[in-house]
């Protein structure tokens, strides 16, 4: 089963600030204590493709505003965000690739958008590397983490995907798409009990999450077949 693609773009991270995490993603899931995760680590955009966000107060993103505060790499990333939303991956790659090795490039969004474009072109190794670059610039951004996990998932590296999704959940405990993607990764590993637990958590956060309902039904079917 294909993973749930968390978005196609991320809101712009103004240089020097973390990307914003919506209140709905913060805090503990209903009825859940603080999660621990079999560690290592485990990011997607608007719902169903990729986004860039951050566990910091809503006010942080507002402290600096206006294009005069953005680096040239952030401005390139803004252009890439629009292109990615319209499925123009080739144009994004042509726009951003010439600057990806610039030592002054500190824009997490730049590399997140480049990763999205690579992923949409099926260049999964390049996408993985781009997401790693984004993560190195904004290590606590759960959406970047989910995007990296999704790249691993598409590469069928399910253990690495699990690690990324678990890290995203630790960073943003109400990030329902991270739970759903973790469930899919567990399912690919044939760990159906764990998969069912995670998809139930996604549905506890959003009982109307239709994709999660479909995933749950598929997992339940596999559990029945296993018996």
N, C-alpha and C. Protein backbone atom coordinates (compact mmCIF):
# COMPACT_ATOMS: atom_id res chain seq x y z
N UNK A 1 0.84 -1.19 0.00
CA UNK A 1 0.00 0.00 0.00
C UNK A 1 0.88 1.24 0.00
N UNK A 2 0.52 2.21 -0.81
CA UNK A 2 1.29 3.43 -0.90
C UNK A 2 1.09 4.27 0.36
N UNK A 3 2.15 4.90 0.82
CA UNK A 3 2.06 5.74 2.00
C UNK A 3 1.18 6.95 1.76
N UNK A 4 0.74 7.56 2.84
CA UNK A 4 -0.06 8.78 2.73
C UNK A 4 0.89 9.95 2.54
N UNK A 5 0.76 10.60 1.40
CA UNK A 5 1.65 11.70 1.05
C UNK A 5 1.23 12.95 1.80
N UNK A 6 2.10 13.43 2.69
CA UNK A 6 1.75 14.59 3.51
C UNK A 6 2.14 15.85 2.79
N UNK A 7 1.33 16.31 1.92
CA UNK A 7 1.44 17.62 1.36
C UNK A 7 2.43 17.78 0.23
N UNK A 8 2.41 18.96 -0.37
CA UNK A 8 3.30 19.25 -1.47
C UNK A 8 4.20 20.43 -1.19
N UNK A 9 3.95 21.14 -0.14
CA UNK A 9 4.77 22.29 0.16
C UNK A 9 4.75 22.60 1.63
N UNK A 10 5.58 23.54 2.02
CA UNK A 10 5.65 23.93 3.41
C UNK A 10 5.58 25.44 3.50
N UNK A 11 4.93 25.94 4.55
CA UNK A 11 4.94 27.38 4.71
C UNK A 11 6.36 27.87 4.93
N UNK A 12 6.65 29.04 4.52
CA UNK A 12 8.02 29.53 4.53
C UNK A 12 8.58 29.69 5.93
N UNK A 13 9.80 29.17 6.11
CA UNK A 13 10.51 29.40 7.36
C UNK A 13 11.35 30.64 7.18
N UNK A 14 11.03 31.66 7.91
CA UNK A 14 11.84 32.87 7.83
C UNK A 14 13.17 32.59 8.50
N UNK A 15 14.25 33.03 7.87
CA UNK A 15 15.57 32.71 8.37
C UNK A 15 15.70 33.16 9.82
N UNK A 16 16.24 32.25 10.64
CA UNK A 16 16.41 32.57 12.04
C UNK A 16 15.23 32.15 12.89
N UNK A 17 14.19 31.64 12.26
CA UNK A 17 13.02 31.19 13.00
C UNK A 17 12.65 29.78 12.60
N UNK A 18 12.06 29.09 13.53
CA UNK A 18 11.53 27.77 13.24
C UNK A 18 10.22 27.92 12.47
N UNK A 19 9.87 26.86 11.75
CA UNK A 19 8.59 26.88 11.06
C UNK A 19 7.48 26.56 12.05
N UNK A 20 6.32 27.09 11.79
CA UNK A 20 5.21 27.04 12.73
C UNK A 20 4.47 25.70 12.70
N UNK A 21 4.18 25.18 13.88
CA UNK A 21 3.36 23.97 14.02
C UNK A 21 1.98 24.38 14.49
N UNK A 22 0.96 24.05 13.72
CA UNK A 22 -0.40 24.40 14.14
C UNK A 22 -0.72 23.88 15.53
N UNK A 23 -1.56 24.61 16.25
CA UNK A 23 -1.94 24.19 17.60
C UNK A 23 -2.52 22.79 17.59
N UNK A 24 -3.23 22.43 16.51
CA UNK A 24 -3.87 21.12 16.45
C UNK A 24 -2.87 19.98 16.47
N UNK A 25 -1.60 20.26 16.16
CA UNK A 25 -0.58 19.21 16.18
C UNK A 25 0.16 19.16 17.51
N UNK A 26 0.00 20.17 18.33
CA UNK A 26 0.75 20.21 19.56
C UNK A 26 0.04 19.44 20.66
N UNK A 27 0.75 19.19 21.73
CA UNK A 27 0.15 18.56 22.89
C UNK A 27 0.05 17.06 22.73
N UNK A 28 -0.57 16.43 23.70
CA UNK A 28 -0.66 14.98 23.71
C UNK A 28 -1.94 14.53 23.03
N UNK A 29 -1.90 13.36 22.35
CA UNK A 29 -3.13 12.82 21.79
C UNK A 29 -4.12 12.53 22.91
N UNK A 30 -5.39 12.60 22.58
CA UNK A 30 -6.43 12.35 23.57
C UNK A 30 -6.22 11.00 24.23
N UNK A 31 -6.17 11.01 25.56
CA UNK A 31 -6.06 9.74 26.29
C UNK A 31 -4.67 9.15 26.29
N UNK A 32 -3.69 9.87 25.76
CA UNK A 32 -2.35 9.31 25.68
C UNK A 32 -1.42 10.05 26.62
N UNK A 33 -0.50 9.32 27.22
CA UNK A 33 0.57 9.94 28.00
C UNK A 33 1.69 10.32 27.07
N UNK A 34 2.80 10.74 27.64
CA UNK A 34 3.95 11.09 26.82
C UNK A 34 4.46 9.82 26.15
N UNK A 35 4.59 9.86 24.83
CA UNK A 35 5.05 8.69 24.09
C UNK A 35 6.55 8.53 24.24
N UNK A 36 6.96 7.28 24.33
CA UNK A 36 8.37 6.99 24.15
C UNK A 36 8.45 6.22 22.86
N UNK A 37 9.59 6.23 22.18
CA UNK A 37 9.64 5.50 20.93
C UNK A 37 10.92 4.72 20.86
N UNK A 38 10.83 3.49 20.30
CA UNK A 38 11.95 2.59 20.21
C UNK A 38 13.03 3.28 19.45
N UNK A 39 13.97 3.92 19.98
CA UNK A 39 14.60 5.00 19.27
C UNK A 39 15.52 4.57 18.19
N UNK A 40 15.30 5.49 17.51
CA UNK A 40 16.24 6.31 16.83
C UNK A 40 15.51 7.56 16.47
N UNK A 41 14.98 7.63 15.24
CA UNK A 41 14.32 8.85 14.89
C UNK A 41 13.30 8.58 13.82
N UNK A 42 12.57 9.31 13.44
CA UNK A 42 11.65 9.07 12.37
C UNK A 42 11.39 10.39 11.61
N UNK A 43 8.64 13.81 9.25
CA UNK A 43 8.19 14.06 7.81
C UNK A 43 8.03 14.12 7.27
N UNK A 44 6.05 15.99 4.38
CA UNK A 44 5.03 15.68 3.71
C UNK A 44 4.90 16.84 3.40
N UNK A 45 3.85 19.51 3.98
CA UNK A 45 3.05 20.02 2.87
C UNK A 45 1.65 20.05 3.32
N UNK A 46 0.79 20.44 2.58
CA UNK A 46 -0.60 20.49 2.92
C UNK A 46 -1.05 19.07 3.11
N UNK A 47 -2.29 18.86 3.61
CA UNK A 47 -2.70 17.51 3.96
C UNK A 47 -2.74 16.67 2.73
N UNK A 48 -1.72 15.83 2.59
CA UNK A 48 -1.78 14.86 1.52
C UNK A 48 -0.63 15.06 0.58
N UNK A 49 0.31 15.95 0.92
CA UNK A 49 1.53 16.16 0.18
C UNK A 49 2.62 16.64 1.13
N UNK A 50 3.27 17.93 1.21
CA UNK A 50 4.33 18.33 2.15
C UNK A 50 4.27 19.74 2.69
N UNK A 51 4.69 19.97 3.84
CA UNK A 51 4.51 21.22 4.57
C UNK A 51 5.75 21.44 5.39
N UNK A 52 6.01 22.56 5.85
CA UNK A 52 7.13 22.81 6.73
C UNK A 52 6.61 23.50 7.96
N UNK A 53 6.83 22.88 9.12
CA UNK A 53 6.27 23.46 10.31
C UNK A 53 7.20 23.30 11.49
N UNK A 54 6.80 23.82 12.65
CA UNK A 54 7.71 23.72 13.77
C UNK A 54 7.07 23.82 15.13
N UNK A 55 7.64 23.09 16.08
CA UNK A 55 7.08 23.14 17.42
C UNK A 55 7.51 24.38 18.17
N UNK A 56 6.99 25.51 17.79
CA UNK A 56 7.30 26.73 18.50
C UNK A 56 6.05 27.57 18.54
N UNK A 57 5.99 28.59 19.37
CA UNK A 57 4.76 29.35 19.52
C UNK A 57 4.33 30.00 18.23
N UNK A 58 3.02 30.18 18.12
CA UNK A 58 2.44 30.79 16.93
C UNK A 58 3.05 32.16 16.69
N UNK A 59 3.38 32.88 17.77
CA UNK A 59 3.89 34.24 17.64
C UNK A 59 5.27 34.28 16.97
N UNK A 60 6.04 33.19 17.08
CA UNK A 60 7.40 33.20 16.56
C UNK A 60 7.43 33.51 15.08
N UNK A 61 6.49 32.88 14.34
CA UNK A 61 6.46 33.09 12.90
C UNK A 61 6.09 34.52 12.55
N UNK A 62 5.40 35.19 13.48
CA UNK A 62 4.93 36.54 13.19
C UNK A 62 5.92 37.62 13.60
N UNK A 63 6.94 37.24 14.35
CA UNK A 63 7.86 38.25 14.84
C UNK A 63 8.58 38.96 13.71
N UNK A 64 8.87 38.21 12.63
CA UNK A 64 9.46 38.84 11.47
C UNK A 64 8.56 38.56 10.30
N UNK A 65 8.25 39.56 9.54
CA UNK A 65 7.41 39.38 8.38
C UNK A 65 7.90 40.32 7.30
N UNK A 66 7.47 40.02 6.07
CA UNK A 66 7.89 40.88 4.97
C UNK A 66 9.04 40.26 4.22
N UNK A 67 9.00 40.43 2.88
CA UNK A 67 10.01 39.79 2.06
C UNK A 67 11.40 40.34 2.31
N UNK A 68 11.51 41.56 2.91
CA UNK A 68 12.83 42.11 3.15
C UNK A 68 13.58 41.33 4.20
N UNK A 69 12.88 40.46 4.97
CA UNK A 69 13.53 39.67 6.00
C UNK A 69 14.01 38.32 5.47
N UNK A 70 13.70 37.99 4.24
CA UNK A 70 14.01 36.66 3.71
C UNK A 70 15.36 36.65 3.01
N UNK A 71 16.05 35.53 3.16
CA UNK A 71 17.27 35.35 2.40
C UNK A 71 16.90 35.04 0.94
N UNK A 72 17.87 35.15 0.06
CA UNK A 72 17.58 34.86 -1.35
C UNK A 72 17.19 33.40 -1.53
N UNK A 73 17.68 32.53 -0.64
CA UNK A 73 17.34 31.11 -0.74
C UNK A 73 15.89 30.88 -0.31
N UNK A 74 15.44 31.64 0.70
CA UNK A 74 14.04 31.57 1.09
C UNK A 74 13.14 32.06 -0.04
N UNK A 75 13.59 33.09 -0.74
CA UNK A 75 12.79 33.62 -1.84
C UNK A 75 12.70 32.62 -2.98
N UNK A 76 13.81 31.95 -3.25
CA UNK A 76 13.77 30.88 -4.25
C UNK A 76 12.81 29.78 -3.81
N UNK A 77 12.85 29.48 -2.51
CA UNK A 77 11.97 28.44 -1.99
C UNK A 77 10.51 28.84 -2.12
N UNK A 78 10.20 30.13 -1.95
CA UNK A 78 8.82 30.60 -2.14
C UNK A 78 8.37 30.32 -3.58
N UNK A 79 9.24 30.63 -4.53
CA UNK A 79 8.90 30.35 -5.93
C UNK A 79 8.69 28.85 -6.14
N UNK A 80 9.57 28.06 -5.53
CA UNK A 80 9.48 26.60 -5.68
C UNK A 80 8.21 26.05 -5.06
N UNK A 81 7.77 26.64 -3.95
CA UNK A 81 6.53 26.21 -3.31
C UNK A 81 5.36 26.31 -4.28
N UNK A 82 5.28 27.44 -4.96
CA UNK A 82 4.19 27.64 -5.93
C UNK A 82 4.29 26.64 -7.07
N UNK A 83 5.49 26.44 -7.56
CA UNK A 83 5.68 25.49 -8.67
C UNK A 83 5.34 24.07 -8.24
N UNK A 84 5.76 23.68 -7.05
CA UNK A 84 5.45 22.34 -6.56
C UNK A 84 3.95 22.13 -6.41
N UNK A 85 3.25 23.17 -5.97
CA UNK A 85 1.79 23.06 -5.82
C UNK A 85 1.12 22.78 -7.16
N UNK A 86 1.76 23.23 -8.24
CA UNK A 86 1.20 23.02 -9.57
C UNK A 86 1.85 21.84 -10.29
N UNK A 87 2.59 21.03 -9.55
CA UNK A 87 3.16 19.81 -10.12
C UNK A 87 4.30 20.05 -11.09
N UNK A 88 4.96 21.19 -10.97
CA UNK A 88 6.03 21.53 -11.92
C UNK A 88 7.40 21.19 -11.33
N UNK A 89 7.62 19.90 -11.13
CA UNK A 89 8.84 19.44 -10.47
C UNK A 89 10.09 19.77 -11.27
N UNK A 90 10.03 19.63 -12.59
CA UNK A 90 11.21 19.93 -13.40
C UNK A 90 11.66 21.37 -13.23
N UNK A 91 10.70 22.28 -13.20
CA UNK A 91 11.02 23.69 -13.03
C UNK A 91 11.62 23.96 -11.66
N UNK A 92 11.12 23.28 -10.64
CA UNK A 92 11.67 23.44 -9.29
C UNK A 92 13.13 22.99 -9.26
N UNK A 93 13.39 21.84 -9.85
CA UNK A 93 14.76 21.32 -9.86
C UNK A 93 15.69 22.27 -10.61
N UNK A 94 15.23 22.76 -11.75
CA UNK A 94 16.05 23.70 -12.53
C UNK A 94 16.30 24.99 -11.75
N UNK A 95 15.30 25.42 -10.97
CA UNK A 95 15.42 26.66 -10.20
C UNK A 95 16.36 26.51 -9.02
N UNK A 96 16.28 25.39 -8.31
CA UNK A 96 16.99 25.25 -7.04
C UNK A 96 18.35 24.56 -7.12
N UNK A 97 18.49 23.62 -8.03
CA UNK A 97 19.74 22.84 -8.07
C UNK A 97 21.00 23.70 -8.13
N UNK A 98 21.03 24.79 -8.89
CA UNK A 98 22.27 25.57 -8.96
C UNK A 98 22.73 26.15 -7.62
N UNK A 99 21.83 26.18 -6.63
CA UNK A 99 22.15 26.80 -5.35
C UNK A 99 22.26 25.80 -4.21
N UNK A 100 22.10 24.52 -4.47
CA UNK A 100 22.02 23.57 -3.37
C UNK A 100 23.35 23.34 -2.67
N UNK A 101 24.45 23.65 -3.34
CA UNK A 101 25.77 23.48 -2.71
C UNK A 101 26.35 24.80 -2.20
N UNK A 102 25.58 25.84 -2.25
CA UNK A 102 26.04 27.13 -1.75
C UNK A 102 26.17 27.06 -0.23
N UNK A 103 27.34 27.34 0.29
CA UNK A 103 27.59 27.22 1.73
C UNK A 103 26.79 28.22 2.55
N UNK A 104 26.29 29.26 1.92
CA UNK A 104 25.48 30.25 2.63
C UNK A 104 24.01 29.87 2.70
N UNK A 105 23.65 28.78 2.06
CA UNK A 105 22.25 28.37 1.98
C UNK A 105 21.82 27.72 3.29
N UNK A 106 21.11 28.48 4.11
CA UNK A 106 20.66 27.96 5.40
C UNK A 106 19.14 27.78 5.45
N UNK A 107 18.50 27.68 4.29
CA UNK A 107 17.04 27.60 4.21
C UNK A 107 16.55 26.16 4.24
N UNK A 108 15.89 25.79 5.32
CA UNK A 108 15.31 24.45 5.40
C UNK A 108 14.23 24.26 4.34
N UNK A 109 13.44 25.30 4.11
CA UNK A 109 12.36 25.20 3.13
C UNK A 109 12.91 24.96 1.73
N UNK A 110 14.02 25.58 1.41
CA UNK A 110 14.66 25.38 0.11
C UNK A 110 14.87 23.88 -0.14
N UNK A 111 15.47 23.20 0.82
CA UNK A 111 15.78 21.78 0.62
C UNK A 111 14.54 20.91 0.74
N UNK A 112 13.57 21.35 1.55
CA UNK A 112 12.30 20.61 1.60
C UNK A 112 11.61 20.63 0.25
N UNK A 113 11.55 21.82 -0.36
CA UNK A 113 10.91 21.93 -1.67
C UNK A 113 11.68 21.16 -2.74
N UNK A 114 13.00 21.20 -2.67
CA UNK A 114 13.80 20.43 -3.61
C UNK A 114 13.54 18.94 -3.44
N UNK A 115 13.43 18.50 -2.19
CA UNK A 115 13.12 17.10 -1.92
C UNK A 115 11.77 16.69 -2.49
N UNK A 116 10.79 17.57 -2.37
CA UNK A 116 9.46 17.29 -2.93
C UNK A 116 9.54 17.09 -4.44
N UNK A 117 10.26 18.00 -5.08
CA UNK A 117 10.39 17.91 -6.54
C UNK A 117 11.10 16.63 -6.95
N UNK A 118 12.19 16.31 -6.29
CA UNK A 118 12.90 15.06 -6.60
C UNK A 118 11.98 13.85 -6.39
N UNK A 119 11.26 13.87 -5.28
CA UNK A 119 10.37 12.74 -4.98
C UNK A 119 9.30 12.60 -6.05
N UNK A 120 8.74 13.72 -6.48
CA UNK A 120 7.68 13.67 -7.49
C UNK A 120 8.20 13.22 -8.86
N UNK A 121 9.50 13.32 -9.05
CA UNK A 121 10.12 12.82 -10.28
C UNK A 121 10.65 11.39 -10.11
N UNK A 122 10.44 10.81 -8.94
CA UNK A 122 10.90 9.45 -8.69
C UNK A 122 12.38 9.35 -8.38
N UNK A 123 13.02 10.48 -8.10
CA UNK A 123 14.45 10.48 -7.76
C UNK A 123 14.57 10.38 -6.25
N UNK A 124 14.39 9.17 -5.73
CA UNK A 124 14.23 8.99 -4.30
C UNK A 124 15.54 9.17 -3.53
N UNK A 125 16.66 8.79 -4.10
CA UNK A 125 17.95 9.01 -3.42
C UNK A 125 18.22 10.50 -3.27
N UNK A 126 17.96 11.26 -4.34
CA UNK A 126 18.16 12.70 -4.27
C UNK A 126 17.17 13.35 -3.31
N UNK A 127 15.93 12.84 -3.30
CA UNK A 127 14.93 13.38 -2.38
C UNK A 127 15.35 13.15 -0.93
N UNK A 128 15.83 11.94 -0.66
CA UNK A 128 16.27 11.62 0.70
C UNK A 128 17.38 12.56 1.15
N UNK A 129 18.34 12.78 0.28
CA UNK A 129 19.45 13.66 0.63
C UNK A 129 18.98 15.10 0.83
N UNK A 130 18.06 15.54 0.00
CA UNK A 130 17.54 16.91 0.16
C UNK A 130 16.80 17.07 1.49
N UNK A 131 16.00 16.07 1.85
CA UNK A 131 15.29 16.15 3.12
C UNK A 131 16.27 16.12 4.30
N UNK A 132 17.34 15.35 4.16
CA UNK A 132 18.35 15.35 5.22
C UNK A 132 18.98 16.73 5.38
N UNK A 133 19.22 17.39 4.25
CA UNK A 133 19.76 18.75 4.30
C UNK A 133 18.76 19.68 4.98
N UNK A 134 17.49 19.53 4.65
CA UNK A 134 16.46 20.35 5.30
C UNK A 134 16.43 20.08 6.79
N UNK A 135 16.50 18.82 7.16
CA UNK A 135 16.44 18.44 8.57
C UNK A 135 17.65 18.97 9.34
N UNK A 136 18.81 18.99 8.71
CA UNK A 136 20.00 19.50 9.39
C UNK A 136 19.86 20.98 9.71
N UNK A 137 19.03 21.68 8.95
CA UNK A 137 18.82 23.11 9.16
C UNK A 137 17.64 23.38 10.09
N UNK A 138 16.76 22.42 10.23
CA UNK A 138 15.58 22.58 11.10
C UNK A 138 15.25 21.21 11.69
N UNK A 139 16.07 20.71 12.62
CA UNK A 139 15.96 19.33 13.09
C UNK A 139 14.69 19.00 13.85
N UNK A 140 13.97 20.00 14.34
CA UNK A 140 12.77 19.73 15.11
C UNK A 140 11.50 20.04 14.32
N UNK A 141 11.61 20.05 13.02
CA UNK A 141 10.46 20.29 12.16
C UNK A 141 9.79 18.95 11.83
N UNK A 142 8.62 18.67 12.40
CA UNK A 142 8.02 17.35 12.21
C UNK A 142 7.59 17.05 10.79
N UNK A 143 7.26 18.07 10.01
CA UNK A 143 6.83 17.80 8.64
C UNK A 143 8.02 17.39 7.77
N UNK A 144 9.15 18.05 7.97
CA UNK A 144 10.36 17.62 7.26
C UNK A 144 10.70 16.19 7.63
N UNK A 145 10.53 15.86 8.90
CA UNK A 145 10.82 14.50 9.37
C UNK A 145 9.88 13.50 8.69
N UNK A 146 8.60 13.85 8.59
CA UNK A 146 7.65 12.96 7.92
C UNK A 146 7.99 12.82 6.43
N UNK A 147 8.40 13.92 5.82
CA UNK A 147 8.79 13.84 4.41
C UNK A 147 9.97 12.91 4.20
N UNK A 148 10.93 12.99 5.11
CA UNK A 148 12.07 12.07 5.03
C UNK A 148 11.60 10.63 5.22
N UNK A 149 10.70 10.42 6.18
CA UNK A 149 10.15 9.09 6.39
C UNK A 149 9.43 8.57 5.16
N UNK A 150 8.70 9.47 4.49
CA UNK A 150 7.97 9.05 3.29
C UNK A 150 8.93 8.66 2.16
N UNK A 151 10.05 9.37 2.05
CA UNK A 151 11.05 9.00 1.05
C UNK A 151 11.60 7.61 1.34
N UNK A 152 11.88 7.33 2.61
CA UNK A 152 12.33 5.98 2.98
C UNK A 152 11.25 4.94 2.67
N UNK A 153 10.01 5.30 2.96
CA UNK A 153 8.90 4.38 2.69
C UNK A 153 8.84 4.03 1.20
N UNK A 154 8.94 5.04 0.35
CA UNK A 154 8.89 4.78 -1.08
C UNK A 154 10.08 3.96 -1.56
N UNK A 155 11.18 4.05 -0.83
CA UNK A 155 12.37 3.25 -1.15
C UNK A 155 12.27 1.84 -0.56
N UNK A 156 11.16 1.57 0.11
CA UNK A 156 10.92 0.28 0.78
C UNK A 156 11.89 0.05 1.94
N UNK A 157 12.41 1.12 2.49
CA UNK A 157 13.27 1.04 3.67
C UNK A 157 12.38 1.33 4.88
N UNK A 158 11.58 0.33 5.23
CA UNK A 158 10.49 0.55 6.17
C UNK A 158 10.96 0.79 7.60
N UNK A 159 12.05 0.17 8.01
CA UNK A 159 12.56 0.41 9.36
C UNK A 159 12.99 1.87 9.52
N UNK A 160 13.66 2.39 8.50
CA UNK A 160 14.06 3.80 8.56
C UNK A 160 12.84 4.72 8.54
N UNK A 161 11.82 4.31 7.78
CA UNK A 161 10.58 5.10 7.76
C UNK A 161 9.95 5.12 9.14
N UNK A 162 9.90 3.97 9.80
CA UNK A 162 9.34 3.89 11.15
C UNK A 162 10.07 4.84 12.09
N UNK A 163 11.39 4.84 12.01
CA UNK A 163 12.17 5.70 12.90
C UNK A 163 11.84 7.17 12.68
N UNK A 164 11.67 7.56 11.43
CA UNK A 164 11.34 8.95 11.14
C UNK A 164 9.94 9.32 11.62
N UNK A 165 8.97 8.45 11.35
CA UNK A 165 7.60 8.74 11.76
C UNK A 165 7.50 8.81 13.29
N UNK A 166 8.22 7.96 13.98
CA UNK A 166 8.19 8.00 15.45
C UNK A 166 8.79 9.31 15.96
N UNK A 167 9.84 9.76 15.31
CA UNK A 167 10.43 11.04 15.71
C UNK A 167 9.43 12.18 15.49
N UNK A 168 8.73 12.15 14.36
CA UNK A 168 7.75 13.19 14.07
C UNK A 168 6.65 13.21 15.14
N UNK A 169 6.21 12.04 15.56
CA UNK A 169 5.17 11.96 16.59
C UNK A 169 5.67 12.51 17.91
N UNK A 170 6.92 12.23 18.22
CA UNK A 170 7.49 12.76 19.44
C UNK A 170 7.55 14.29 19.41
N UNK A 171 7.83 14.84 18.23
CA UNK A 171 7.91 16.29 18.08
C UNK A 171 6.54 16.94 18.04
N UNK A 172 5.57 16.26 17.44
CA UNK A 172 4.22 16.82 17.27
C UNK A 172 3.20 15.72 17.55
N UNK A 173 2.86 15.50 18.81
CA UNK A 173 2.03 14.35 19.19
C UNK A 173 0.61 14.34 18.62
N UNK A 174 0.17 15.44 18.01
CA UNK A 174 -1.16 15.46 17.42
C UNK A 174 -1.12 15.47 15.90
N UNK A 175 -0.01 15.05 15.34
CA UNK A 175 0.20 15.02 13.89
C UNK A 175 -0.39 13.72 13.36
N UNK A 176 -1.65 13.76 12.98
CA UNK A 176 -2.38 12.53 12.65
C UNK A 176 -1.77 11.80 11.47
N UNK A 177 -1.25 12.54 10.48
CA UNK A 177 -0.67 11.89 9.30
C UNK A 177 0.57 11.09 9.65
N UNK A 178 1.29 11.52 10.68
CA UNK A 178 2.47 10.76 11.10
C UNK A 178 2.04 9.40 11.66
N UNK A 179 0.97 9.36 12.44
CA UNK A 179 0.46 8.08 12.95
C UNK A 179 0.00 7.18 11.81
N UNK A 180 -0.71 7.76 10.85
CA UNK A 180 -1.22 6.96 9.74
C UNK A 180 -0.09 6.37 8.91
N UNK A 181 0.93 7.18 8.64
CA UNK A 181 2.06 6.68 7.87
C UNK A 181 2.86 5.66 8.66
N UNK A 182 2.96 5.86 9.97
CA UNK A 182 3.63 4.86 10.81
C UNK A 182 2.88 3.54 10.76
N UNK A 183 1.56 3.61 10.78
CA UNK A 183 0.76 2.39 10.67
C UNK A 183 1.04 1.66 9.35
N UNK A 184 1.13 2.41 8.26
CA UNK A 184 1.42 1.78 6.96
C UNK A 184 2.80 1.15 6.93
N UNK A 185 3.77 1.81 7.54
CA UNK A 185 5.12 1.24 7.57
C UNK A 185 5.15 -0.04 8.39
N UNK A 186 4.46 -0.04 9.54
CA UNK A 186 4.36 -1.26 10.33
C UNK A 186 3.67 -2.37 9.55
N UNK A 187 2.65 -2.00 8.80
CA UNK A 187 1.93 -2.99 8.00
C UNK A 187 2.85 -3.63 6.97
N UNK A 188 3.70 -2.82 6.34
CA UNK A 188 4.65 -3.37 5.37
C UNK A 188 5.64 -4.32 6.03
N UNK A 189 5.91 -4.09 7.31
CA UNK A 189 6.80 -4.97 8.07
C UNK A 189 6.05 -6.17 8.65
N UNK A 190 4.75 -6.25 8.34
CA UNK A 190 3.86 -7.31 8.83
C UNK A 190 3.68 -7.26 10.35
N UNK A 191 3.86 -6.09 10.91
CA UNK A 191 3.60 -5.89 12.33
C UNK A 191 2.20 -5.28 12.47
N UNK A 192 1.23 -6.15 12.25
CA UNK A 192 -0.14 -5.66 12.11
C UNK A 192 -0.74 -5.16 13.43
N UNK A 193 -0.36 -5.76 14.53
CA UNK A 193 -0.88 -5.29 15.82
C UNK A 193 -0.41 -3.86 16.09
N UNK A 194 0.88 -3.62 15.85
CA UNK A 194 1.41 -2.27 16.03
C UNK A 194 0.76 -1.30 15.04
N UNK A 195 0.55 -1.78 13.81
CA UNK A 195 -0.07 -0.93 12.79
C UNK A 195 -1.48 -0.53 13.21
N UNK A 196 -2.24 -1.48 13.73
CA UNK A 196 -3.61 -1.19 14.16
C UNK A 196 -3.61 -0.17 15.30
N UNK A 197 -2.69 -0.31 16.23
CA UNK A 197 -2.61 0.63 17.34
C UNK A 197 -2.38 2.06 16.84
N UNK A 198 -1.46 2.21 15.89
CA UNK A 198 -1.13 3.55 15.41
C UNK A 198 -2.28 4.15 14.59
N UNK A 199 -2.95 3.35 13.79
CA UNK A 199 -4.04 3.91 12.99
C UNK A 199 -5.22 4.27 13.89
N UNK A 200 -5.39 3.55 14.98
CA UNK A 200 -6.45 3.91 15.93
C UNK A 200 -6.13 5.25 16.59
N UNK A 201 -4.84 5.50 16.84
CA UNK A 201 -4.45 6.79 17.41
C UNK A 201 -4.73 7.93 16.43
N UNK A 202 -4.47 7.68 15.14
CA UNK A 202 -4.78 8.69 14.13
C UNK A 202 -6.27 9.00 14.13
N UNK A 203 -7.09 7.97 14.24
CA UNK A 203 -8.53 8.16 14.23
C UNK A 203 -9.06 8.75 15.53
N UNK A 204 -8.34 8.54 16.60
CA UNK A 204 -8.73 9.19 17.86
C UNK A 204 -8.53 10.70 17.74
N UNK A 205 -7.48 11.09 17.02
CA UNK A 205 -7.23 12.51 16.80
C UNK A 205 -8.25 13.11 15.84
N UNK A 206 -8.66 12.32 14.86
CA UNK A 206 -9.63 12.81 13.87
C UNK A 206 -10.54 11.65 13.46
N UNK A 207 -11.67 11.51 14.13
CA UNK A 207 -12.60 10.40 13.82
C UNK A 207 -13.13 10.42 12.39
N UNK A 208 -13.02 11.54 11.70
CA UNK A 208 -13.52 11.64 10.33
C UNK A 208 -12.41 11.50 9.28
N UNK A 209 -11.27 11.02 9.68
CA UNK A 209 -10.10 10.87 8.81
C UNK A 209 -10.33 9.65 7.89
N UNK A 210 -10.90 9.91 6.71
CA UNK A 210 -11.36 8.83 5.84
C UNK A 210 -10.22 7.92 5.37
N UNK A 211 -9.08 8.49 5.03
CA UNK A 211 -7.97 7.65 4.59
C UNK A 211 -7.54 6.69 5.69
N UNK A 212 -7.54 7.19 6.92
CA UNK A 212 -7.16 6.34 8.04
C UNK A 212 -8.18 5.21 8.24
N UNK A 213 -9.44 5.51 7.99
CA UNK A 213 -10.46 4.46 8.09
C UNK A 213 -10.18 3.35 7.08
N UNK A 214 -9.80 3.74 5.87
CA UNK A 214 -9.49 2.74 4.85
C UNK A 214 -8.26 1.92 5.22
N UNK A 215 -7.25 2.60 5.78
CA UNK A 215 -6.05 1.89 6.22
C UNK A 215 -6.40 0.92 7.34
N UNK A 216 -7.22 1.36 8.28
CA UNK A 216 -7.62 0.48 9.38
C UNK A 216 -8.32 -0.77 8.87
N UNK A 217 -9.22 -0.59 7.91
CA UNK A 217 -9.92 -1.75 7.36
C UNK A 217 -8.95 -2.72 6.70
N UNK A 218 -7.97 -2.19 5.98
CA UNK A 218 -6.98 -3.05 5.34
C UNK A 218 -6.15 -3.80 6.38
N UNK A 219 -5.78 -3.14 7.46
CA UNK A 219 -5.00 -3.79 8.51
C UNK A 219 -5.83 -4.87 9.20
N UNK A 220 -7.09 -4.56 9.48
CA UNK A 220 -7.96 -5.57 10.11
C UNK A 220 -8.12 -6.79 9.22
N UNK A 221 -8.22 -6.56 7.92
CA UNK A 221 -8.31 -7.68 6.98
C UNK A 221 -7.07 -8.56 7.05
N UNK A 222 -5.91 -7.93 7.11
CA UNK A 222 -4.66 -8.70 7.17
C UNK A 222 -4.55 -9.45 8.49
N UNK A 223 -5.05 -8.86 9.56
CA UNK A 223 -5.03 -9.57 10.85
C UNK A 223 -5.94 -10.79 10.81
N UNK A 224 -7.10 -10.66 10.16
CA UNK A 224 -8.00 -11.80 10.04
C UNK A 224 -7.36 -12.91 9.21
N UNK A 225 -6.69 -12.53 8.14
CA UNK A 225 -6.03 -13.51 7.28
C UNK A 225 -4.89 -14.21 7.99
N UNK A 226 -4.28 -13.50 8.93
CA UNK A 226 -3.14 -14.04 9.66
C UNK A 226 -3.55 -15.14 10.62
N UNK A 227 -4.80 -15.06 11.10
CA UNK A 227 -5.29 -16.04 12.10
C UNK A 227 -5.57 -17.40 11.46
